[in-house]
């Protein structure tokens, strides 16, 4: 799709952030505020570079070893596959969904760095790491890395049309003999769960005996939650998955962000998931049914 032509558009309600909301001195101040936002879908293009890099930083906030400039350029260099989402009148993308071939770009610096990063994070999970390496090193298994990023307050309703367009574009690219005939799709999902250290605080007003019992139950059965709702559905169809914790860095911006989550008792992590290509249409069908 050439130029600035839109793929499609949609209108969704998005909850206002504190910075967006007005001073609340009206009788409706106790109610949640929503703003109507028109979203438009575009092919990736050079003007998106800086905004795309900012989105990519969300998944790799604990490392500076991945050249996100190069990764952004790689995404922009394949405009036939993938989409960005922008609000009406805005130039920076609010969301991104695309896929890159880990086989075709295996010698690209940013891809080498990204895979080395994942292997380092899984160094304490040798069985899982060995299985992941089987997917990545087997030349008969063409693996596509799905890159899904969006601002945290974007509505999940944008996910189904994004994935529908992605699968259509992959098919069109395959018809044109482009290197998008994947056997597997790999995802890096942003996850979180309650930090055990604050379990007692959650039940601070309860009797001590009940408090200890509930805290013990919470600590022994941590529940993984997903920043992007569709990732829970993707996990359902994955034949391989492994979780890893993020490493705390000395970067001030990253440290402040992590501290904010930790103050609320939230431990952030990542989950690698791998699906067979035949599972993607099934995943999309369930996604369209559940997120309307």
Protein backbone atom coordinates (compact mmCIF):
# COMPACT_ATOMS: atom_id res chain seq x y z
CA UNK A 1 0.00 0.00 0.00
CA UNK A 2 1.71 3.13 -1.17
CA UNK A 3 1.90 6.59 0.35
CA UNK A 4 -0.21 7.65 3.30
CA UNK A 5 -3.26 5.67 2.28
CA UNK A 6 -5.19 4.25 5.20
CA UNK A 7 -5.88 0.53 5.46
CA UNK A 8 -9.03 1.00 7.51
CA UNK A 9 -10.31 2.91 10.48
CA UNK A 10 -12.41 2.40 13.57
CA UNK A 11 -13.81 4.28 16.52
CA UNK A 12 -13.36 3.11 20.09
CA UNK A 13 -13.76 4.46 23.59
CA UNK A 14 -10.54 4.87 25.52
CA UNK A 15 -10.38 5.66 29.23
CA UNK A 16 -8.79 9.00 29.94
CA UNK A 17 -5.44 9.02 31.66
CA UNK A 18 -4.94 11.45 34.56
CA UNK A 19 -3.08 13.79 32.20
CA UNK A 20 -6.00 13.84 29.78
CA UNK A 21 -8.84 14.29 32.24
CA UNK A 22 -10.09 17.73 33.24
CA UNK A 23 -10.26 19.15 36.73
CA UNK A 24 -13.12 17.37 38.34
CA UNK A 25 -15.39 19.79 40.18
CA UNK A 26 -18.65 18.67 38.64
CA UNK A 27 -21.28 16.33 40.04
CA UNK A 28 -20.00 13.60 37.68
CA UNK A 29 -16.50 13.62 39.19
CA UNK A 30 -16.99 10.19 40.73
CA UNK A 31 -17.62 8.56 37.36
CA UNK A 32 -14.98 7.20 34.99
CA UNK A 33 -14.26 9.49 32.07
CA UNK A 34 -14.00 8.17 28.53
CA UNK A 35 -12.99 9.87 25.33
CA UNK A 36 -14.06 8.87 21.84
CA UNK A 37 -11.00 8.19 19.70
CA UNK A 38 -10.88 7.41 15.98
CA UNK A 39 -8.11 4.93 15.14
CA UNK A 40 -6.66 4.44 11.68
CA UNK A 41 -4.55 1.57 10.35
CA UNK A 42 -1.49 2.18 8.17
CA UNK A 43 1.43 0.34 6.61
CA UNK A 44 4.72 0.94 8.47
CA UNK A 45 6.69 3.82 6.94
CA UNK A 46 9.84 5.83 7.69
CA UNK A 47 8.00 8.58 9.61
CA UNK A 48 7.08 5.92 12.21
CA UNK A 49 10.70 5.14 13.13
CA UNK A 50 10.98 7.00 16.44
CA UNK A 51 7.49 6.10 17.65
CA UNK A 52 8.07 2.49 16.67
CA UNK A 53 11.33 2.39 18.59
CA UNK A 54 9.49 3.69 21.67
CA UNK A 55 6.91 0.92 21.36
CA UNK A 56 9.60 -1.75 20.95
CA UNK A 57 11.33 -0.54 24.10
CA UNK A 58 8.35 -1.84 26.10
CA UNK A 59 9.27 -5.49 25.46
CA UNK A 60 13.01 -5.02 25.88
CA UNK A 61 13.12 -2.47 28.68
CA UNK A 62 15.73 -4.48 30.61
CA UNK A 63 18.47 -4.40 27.98
CA UNK A 64 20.39 -1.98 25.79
CA UNK A 65 21.99 -4.82 23.81
CA UNK A 66 19.34 -4.88 21.06
CA UNK A 67 19.66 -2.29 18.32
CA UNK A 68 16.07 -1.05 18.26
CA UNK A 69 16.91 1.49 15.55
CA UNK A 70 17.91 -1.35 13.24
CA UNK A 71 14.89 -3.43 14.27
CA UNK A 72 12.59 -0.49 13.51
CA UNK A 73 14.23 -0.06 10.10
CA UNK A 74 13.77 -3.78 9.40
CA UNK A 75 10.05 -3.53 10.14
CA UNK A 76 9.68 -0.42 7.98
CA UNK A 77 11.57 -2.12 5.13
CA UNK A 78 8.76 -4.70 4.75
CA UNK A 79 5.64 -2.49 4.38
CA UNK A 80 3.65 -5.22 2.63
CA UNK A 81 3.28 -7.05 5.96
CA UNK A 82 2.30 -5.43 9.25
CA UNK A 83 0.31 -2.44 10.46
CA UNK A 84 0.58 0.58 12.70
CA UNK A 85 -2.37 2.19 14.47
CA UNK A 86 -2.64 5.95 14.89
CA UNK A 87 -5.22 8.25 16.38
CA UNK A 88 -6.87 10.69 14.02
CA UNK A 89 -4.47 13.55 13.30
CA UNK A 90 -1.49 11.97 15.10
CA UNK A 91 1.81 11.05 13.44
CA UNK A 92 3.28 8.63 16.02
CA UNK A 93 1.95 5.07 16.07
CA UNK A 94 -0.02 4.03 19.15
CA UNK A 95 0.21 0.34 18.25
CA UNK A 96 2.17 -2.01 16.00
CA UNK A 97 1.66 -5.54 14.75
CA UNK A 98 4.01 -7.23 12.32
CA UNK A 99 6.12 -10.35 11.81
CA UNK A 100 9.74 -10.80 10.79
CA UNK A 101 11.42 -13.93 9.51
CA UNK A 102 14.03 -15.21 11.96
CA UNK A 103 15.40 -17.48 9.26
CA UNK A 104 15.61 -14.94 6.44
CA UNK A 105 17.15 -12.30 8.73
CA UNK A 106 19.26 -14.64 10.87
CA UNK A 107 22.45 -12.70 10.13
CA UNK A 108 20.89 -9.28 10.77
CA UNK A 109 22.56 -7.65 13.76
CA UNK A 110 19.36 -6.82 15.66
CA UNK A 111 17.99 -10.35 15.15
CA UNK A 112 21.23 -11.93 16.40
CA UNK A 113 21.14 -9.60 19.42
CA UNK A 114 17.48 -10.33 20.14
CA UNK A 115 17.99 -14.10 20.08
CA UNK A 116 21.13 -13.83 22.22
CA UNK A 117 19.10 -11.78 24.70
CA UNK A 118 16.43 -14.49 24.92
CA UNK A 119 19.05 -17.22 25.36
CA UNK A 120 20.69 -15.26 28.18
CA UNK A 121 17.38 -14.80 29.95
CA UNK A 122 16.69 -18.55 29.68
CA UNK A 123 20.14 -19.62 30.88
CA UNK A 124 18.62 -21.02 34.08
CA UNK A 125 15.99 -22.99 32.16
CA UNK A 126 18.21 -25.34 30.18
CA UNK A 127 15.49 -27.79 29.12
CA UNK A 128 13.28 -25.00 27.80
CA UNK A 129 16.27 -23.29 26.19
CA UNK A 130 17.24 -26.50 24.38
CA UNK A 131 13.69 -26.83 23.07
CA UNK A 132 13.65 -23.20 21.92
CA UNK A 133 16.98 -23.71 20.14
CA UNK A 134 15.48 -26.67 18.29
CA UNK A 135 12.90 -24.35 16.74
CA UNK A 136 15.45 -21.66 15.95
CA UNK A 137 18.26 -23.84 14.60
CA UNK A 138 16.23 -26.31 12.52
CA UNK A 139 16.36 -25.06 8.92
CA UNK A 140 13.17 -27.00 8.16
CA UNK A 141 11.23 -24.89 10.69
CA UNK A 142 10.61 -21.40 9.35
CA UNK A 143 9.85 -19.28 12.43
CA UNK A 144 8.29 -15.84 12.27
CA UNK A 145 8.63 -13.49 15.25
CA UNK A 146 5.34 -11.67 15.80
CA UNK A 147 5.94 -8.20 17.20
CA UNK A 148 2.88 -6.84 18.97
CA UNK A 149 3.22 -3.54 20.79
CA UNK A 150 0.77 -0.87 21.88
CA UNK A 151 0.32 1.83 24.47
CA UNK A 152 -1.02 0.41 27.71
CA UNK A 153 -4.37 2.23 27.54
CA UNK A 154 -5.19 1.21 23.97
CA UNK A 155 -8.48 -0.72 23.72
CA UNK A 156 -8.11 -4.48 23.06
CA UNK A 157 -10.74 -4.18 20.30
CA UNK A 158 -7.97 -3.14 17.89
CA UNK A 159 -6.35 -6.59 18.17
CA UNK A 160 -8.76 -8.69 16.03
CA UNK A 161 -8.60 -6.46 12.92
CA UNK A 162 -4.82 -6.18 13.28
CA UNK A 163 -4.37 -9.95 13.36
CA UNK A 164 -6.87 -10.46 10.56
CA UNK A 165 -4.96 -8.03 8.34
CA UNK A 166 -1.65 -9.63 9.29
CA UNK A 167 -2.74 -13.13 8.28
CA UNK A 168 -4.17 -11.82 5.01
CA UNK A 169 -0.97 -9.94 4.22
CA UNK A 170 1.17 -12.98 5.02
CA UNK A 171 -0.89 -15.00 2.53
CA UNK A 172 -0.55 -12.30 -0.13
CA UNK A 173 3.21 -12.14 0.48
CA UNK A 174 3.48 -15.93 0.11
CA UNK A 175 1.54 -15.73 -3.16
CA UNK A 176 4.23 -13.28 -4.35
CA UNK A 177 6.99 -15.71 -3.27
CA UNK A 178 8.14 -13.44 -0.44
CA UNK A 179 9.85 -15.12 2.60
CA UNK A 180 6.77 -15.24 4.81
CA UNK A 181 5.79 -18.90 4.49
CA UNK A 182 6.14 -19.64 8.19
CA UNK A 183 5.78 -23.00 9.89
CA UNK A 184 5.69 -21.46 13.36
CA UNK A 185 4.97 -18.10 14.94
CA UNK A 186 6.84 -16.93 18.03
CA UNK A 187 5.51 -14.31 20.44
CA UNK A 188 7.14 -12.44 23.33
CA UNK A 189 4.28 -11.56 25.66
CA UNK A 190 4.44 -8.97 28.42
CA UNK A 191 3.09 -10.52 31.63
CA UNK A 192 2.78 -9.72 35.32
CA UNK A 193 1.76 -11.30 38.58
CA UNK A 194 1.37 -10.24 42.16
CA UNK A 195 4.62 -9.96 44.08
CA UNK A 196 4.65 -12.34 47.06
CA UNK A 197 6.29 -9.67 49.21
CA UNK A 198 3.09 -7.63 49.35
CA UNK A 199 0.68 -10.50 49.83
CA UNK A 200 0.14 -9.58 53.49
CA UNK A 201 -0.59 -5.96 52.61
CA UNK A 202 -3.50 -6.97 50.42
CA UNK A 203 -5.29 -8.45 53.41
CA UNK A 204 -3.99 -6.02 56.03
CA UNK A 205 -7.39 -5.43 57.64
CA UNK A 206 -8.20 -9.10 58.14
CA UNK A 207 -7.56 -11.24 61.23
CA UNK A 208 -3.95 -12.45 61.50
CA UNK A 209 -4.78 -16.17 61.08
CA UNK A 210 -6.86 -15.59 57.97
CA UNK A 211 -4.28 -13.15 56.66
CA UNK A 212 -1.48 -15.74 56.86
CA UNK A 213 -3.62 -18.42 55.24
CA UNK A 214 -4.60 -16.18 52.31
CA UNK A 215 -1.05 -14.88 51.86
CA UNK A 216 0.27 -18.45 51.76
CA UNK A 217 -2.30 -19.43 49.14
CA UNK A 218 -1.48 -16.39 47.04
CA UNK A 219 2.24 -17.06 47.25
CA UNK A 220 1.92 -20.75 46.33
CA UNK A 221 -0.35 -20.23 43.34
CA UNK A 222 0.79 -17.12 41.46
CA UNK A 223 -1.46 -16.30 38.53
CA UNK A 224 0.11 -15.03 35.33
CA UNK A 225 -1.77 -12.08 33.84
CA UNK A 226 -1.24 -10.41 30.48
CA UNK A 227 -0.83 -6.75 29.61
CA UNK A 228 -2.44 -7.51 26.24
CA UNK A 229 -5.67 -9.48 26.62
CA UNK A 230 -5.26 -11.46 23.40
CA UNK A 231 -2.04 -13.06 24.67
CA UNK A 232 -4.04 -15.28 26.99
CA UNK A 233 -5.83 -16.71 23.95
CA UNK A 234 -2.54 -17.08 22.07
CA UNK A 235 -1.12 -19.02 25.02
CA UNK A 236 -4.04 -21.44 24.78
CA UNK A 237 -2.91 -22.47 21.28
CA UNK A 238 0.84 -22.53 21.96
CA UNK A 239 2.69 -25.82 21.75
CA UNK A 240 5.70 -24.34 23.54
CA UNK A 241 6.02 -21.62 26.16
CA UNK A 242 8.50 -20.45 28.76
CA UNK A 243 8.54 -17.54 31.20
CA UNK A 244 11.49 -15.41 32.16
CA UNK A 245 11.96 -12.54 34.57
CA UNK A 246 13.27 -9.19 33.53
CA UNK A 247 16.61 -8.08 34.93
CA UNK A 248 16.63 -4.82 36.85
CA UNK A 249 18.80 -2.26 35.08
CA UNK A 250 20.44 0.93 36.28
CA UNK A 251 18.65 3.02 33.65
CA UNK A 252 16.73 5.64 35.62
CA UNK A 253 13.63 5.69 33.41
CA UNK A 254 13.36 1.91 33.43
CA UNK A 255 14.04 1.77 37.17
CA UNK A 256 11.32 4.31 37.88
CA UNK A 257 8.84 2.37 35.76
CA UNK A 258 9.66 -0.90 37.47
CA UNK A 259 9.48 0.75 40.88
CA UNK A 260 5.97 1.94 40.10
CA UNK A 261 4.84 -1.63 39.40
CA UNK A 262 6.69 -2.96 42.45
CA UNK A 263 5.05 -0.36 44.67
CA UNK A 264 1.73 -1.95 43.74
CA UNK A 265 3.08 -5.44 44.32
CA UNK A 266 3.36 -6.32 40.63
CA UNK A 267 6.23 -8.38 39.24
CA UNK A 268 6.68 -7.98 35.48
CA UNK A 269 7.97 -10.78 33.29
CA UNK A 270 7.90 -12.09 29.73
CA UNK A 271 6.49 -15.25 28.19
CA UNK A 272 7.81 -16.76 24.97
CA UNK A 273 5.10 -18.66 23.07
CA UNK A 274 5.36 -20.67 19.85
CA UNK A 275 2.35 -21.70 17.74
CA UNK A 276 2.06 -23.83 14.64
CA UNK A 277 0.84 -21.80 11.68
CA UNK A 278 -2.34 -23.91 11.47
CA UNK A 279 -3.32 -22.66 14.92
CA UNK A 280 -3.29 -18.99 13.94
CA UNK A 281 -6.72 -18.96 12.18
CA UNK A 282 -8.23 -20.78 15.17
CA UNK A 283 -6.70 -18.27 17.52
CA UNK A 284 -8.04 -15.39 15.44
CA UNK A 285 -11.55 -16.89 15.35
CA UNK A 286 -11.63 -17.12 19.15
CA UNK A 287 -10.12 -13.67 19.45
CA UNK A 288 -12.83 -12.16 17.23
CA UNK A 289 -15.51 -13.94 19.25
CA UNK A 290 -14.26 -12.83 22.65
CA UNK A 291 -13.05 -9.30 21.87
CA UNK A 292 -15.74 -7.43 19.97
